[in-house]
Amino acid sequence: MEKIEMEAIDNMKSLFSLLIEEIKSVKEDKNKLPIQRLLNTEEAMKILGIKKSKLYDMVSRQELPHIKIAGKIMFDSTDLKKFIESNKKEKFRYDFNAGDLKGNKYNKKR
């Protein structure tokens, strides 16, 4: 009989552990902000770090994907991410050693 009680206690412990883990994951999901798909001009300006006039200029030149809904210009957040990624510049890196600087061109005459 003690063996059955111990098994029942062990089963309850594992169920409680699972329940606690599930509660923790729900709390974590609740704390995450949902990703907003459509952004207004103010939000797009903040993301891109530009002024309203530049944003409208880019829209009129069709440089920036946008959507018009009931006369309002909206931006798809995934399009903005793609735009940012496509406009990234690679870092310029030049490796050299001190020996490269020993030529006559770099030596100062005193």
Protein backbone atom coordinates (compact mmCIF):
# COMPACT_ATOMS: atom_id res chain seq x y z
CA MET A 1 0.00 0.00 0.00
CA GLU A 2 2.86 2.39 0.72
CA LYS A 3 4.27 1.72 -2.75
CA ILE A 4 0.97 2.78 -4.37
CA GLU A 5 0.83 5.95 -2.24
CA MET A 6 4.42 6.84 -3.18
CA GLU A 7 3.63 6.37 -6.89
CA ALA A 8 0.56 8.58 -6.53
CA ILE A 9 2.63 11.25 -4.79
CA ASP A 10 5.30 11.05 -7.50
CA ASN A 11 2.62 11.36 -10.20
CA MET A 12 1.14 14.41 -8.49
CA LYS A 13 4.60 15.99 -8.19
CA SER A 14 5.26 15.54 -11.89
CA LEU A 15 1.80 16.92 -12.74
CA PHE A 16 2.44 19.96 -10.55
CA SER A 17 5.82 20.47 -12.21
CA LEU A 18 4.22 20.37 -15.64
CA LEU A 19 1.51 22.76 -14.51
CA ILE A 20 4.07 25.21 -13.12
CA GLU A 21 6.07 25.11 -16.37
CA GLU A 22 2.90 25.73 -18.38
CA ILE A 23 1.99 28.71 -16.18
CA LYS A 24 5.51 30.14 -16.61
CA SER A 25 5.32 29.84 -20.40
CA VAL A 26 1.90 31.53 -20.49
CA LYS A 27 3.26 34.39 -18.36
CA GLU A 28 6.25 34.80 -20.69
CA ASP A 29 4.00 34.84 -23.76
CA LYS A 30 1.74 37.39 -22.11
CA ASN A 31 4.68 39.70 -21.40
CA LYS A 32 5.78 39.69 -25.05
CA LEU A 33 4.38 42.49 -27.13
CA PRO A 34 2.53 41.40 -30.26
CA ILE A 35 4.17 42.40 -33.51
CA GLN A 36 2.11 45.07 -35.17
CA ARG A 37 1.95 44.46 -38.89
CA LEU A 38 0.71 47.81 -40.21
CA LEU A 39 2.38 51.00 -39.05
CA ASN A 40 1.29 54.60 -39.47
CA THR A 41 3.58 57.39 -40.68
CA GLU A 42 4.69 58.38 -37.17
CA GLU A 43 5.76 54.82 -36.36
CA ALA A 44 7.54 54.43 -39.71
CA MET A 45 9.37 57.72 -39.14
CA LYS A 46 10.63 56.49 -35.77
CA ILE A 47 11.76 53.14 -37.16
CA LEU A 48 13.57 54.70 -40.10
CA GLY A 49 14.84 57.70 -38.13
CA ILE A 50 13.68 60.23 -40.71
CA LYS A 51 11.43 63.29 -40.79
CA LYS A 52 7.90 63.31 -42.15
CA SER A 53 8.87 65.29 -45.26
CA LYS A 54 11.56 62.71 -46.15
CA LEU A 55 9.11 59.86 -45.59
CA TYR A 56 6.52 61.44 -47.90
CA ASP A 57 9.24 62.17 -50.45
CA MET A 58 10.27 58.50 -50.45
CA VAL A 59 6.63 57.44 -50.79
CA SER A 60 6.03 59.79 -53.74
CA ARG A 61 9.18 58.49 -55.47
CA GLN A 62 8.01 54.94 -54.78
CA GLU A 63 11.26 54.17 -52.98
CA LEU A 64 9.41 52.87 -49.94
CA PRO A 65 6.62 50.26 -50.12
CA HIS A 66 3.37 51.53 -48.64
CA ILE A 67 -0.35 50.86 -48.50
CA LYS A 68 -3.19 53.36 -48.72
CA ILE A 69 -6.21 52.53 -46.58
CA ALA A 70 -9.09 55.01 -46.53
CA GLY A 71 -6.74 57.78 -47.61
CA LYS A 72 -4.17 57.00 -44.89
CA ILE A 73 -0.68 55.87 -45.79
CA MET A 74 0.35 52.75 -43.88
CA PHE A 75 3.53 50.72 -43.93
CA ASP A 76 3.91 46.98 -43.60
CA SER A 77 6.46 46.26 -40.85
CA THR A 78 7.94 43.36 -42.84
CA ASP A 79 8.43 45.67 -45.84
CA LEU A 80 10.23 48.19 -43.62
CA LYS A 81 12.50 45.44 -42.29
CA LYS A 82 13.31 44.34 -45.85
CA PHE A 83 13.93 47.97 -46.86
CA ILE A 84 16.33 48.46 -43.97
CA GLU A 85 18.17 45.21 -44.72
CA SER A 86 18.48 46.01 -48.43
CA ASN A 87 19.97 49.43 -47.65
CA LYS A 88 22.59 48.24 -45.20
CA LYS A 89 26.16 48.96 -46.17
CA GLU A 90 28.95 46.55 -45.38
CA LYS A 91 31.53 47.83 -42.96
CA PHE A 92 34.73 48.87 -44.66
CA ARG A 93 37.69 47.15 -43.13
CA TYR A 94 41.29 47.49 -44.14
CA ASP A 95 43.86 45.33 -42.45
CA PHE A 96 47.40 46.58 -42.44
CA ASN A 97 50.46 46.20 -40.31
CA ALA A 98 52.90 48.79 -39.08
CA GLY A 99 55.33 47.78 -41.84
CA ASP A 100 52.95 49.22 -44.41
CA LEU A 101 53.48 52.67 -42.93
CA LYS A 102 57.30 52.66 -43.12
CA GLY A 103 57.53 53.89 -46.70
CA ASN A 104 58.96 57.31 -47.61
CA LYS A 105 55.47 58.62 -48.11
CA TYR A 106 54.64 58.26 -44.40
CA ASN A 107 57.96 59.22 -42.85
CA LYS A 108 58.25 62.81 -41.71
CA LYS A 109 61.61 64.49 -42.17
CA ARG A 110 62.75 66.44 -39.16
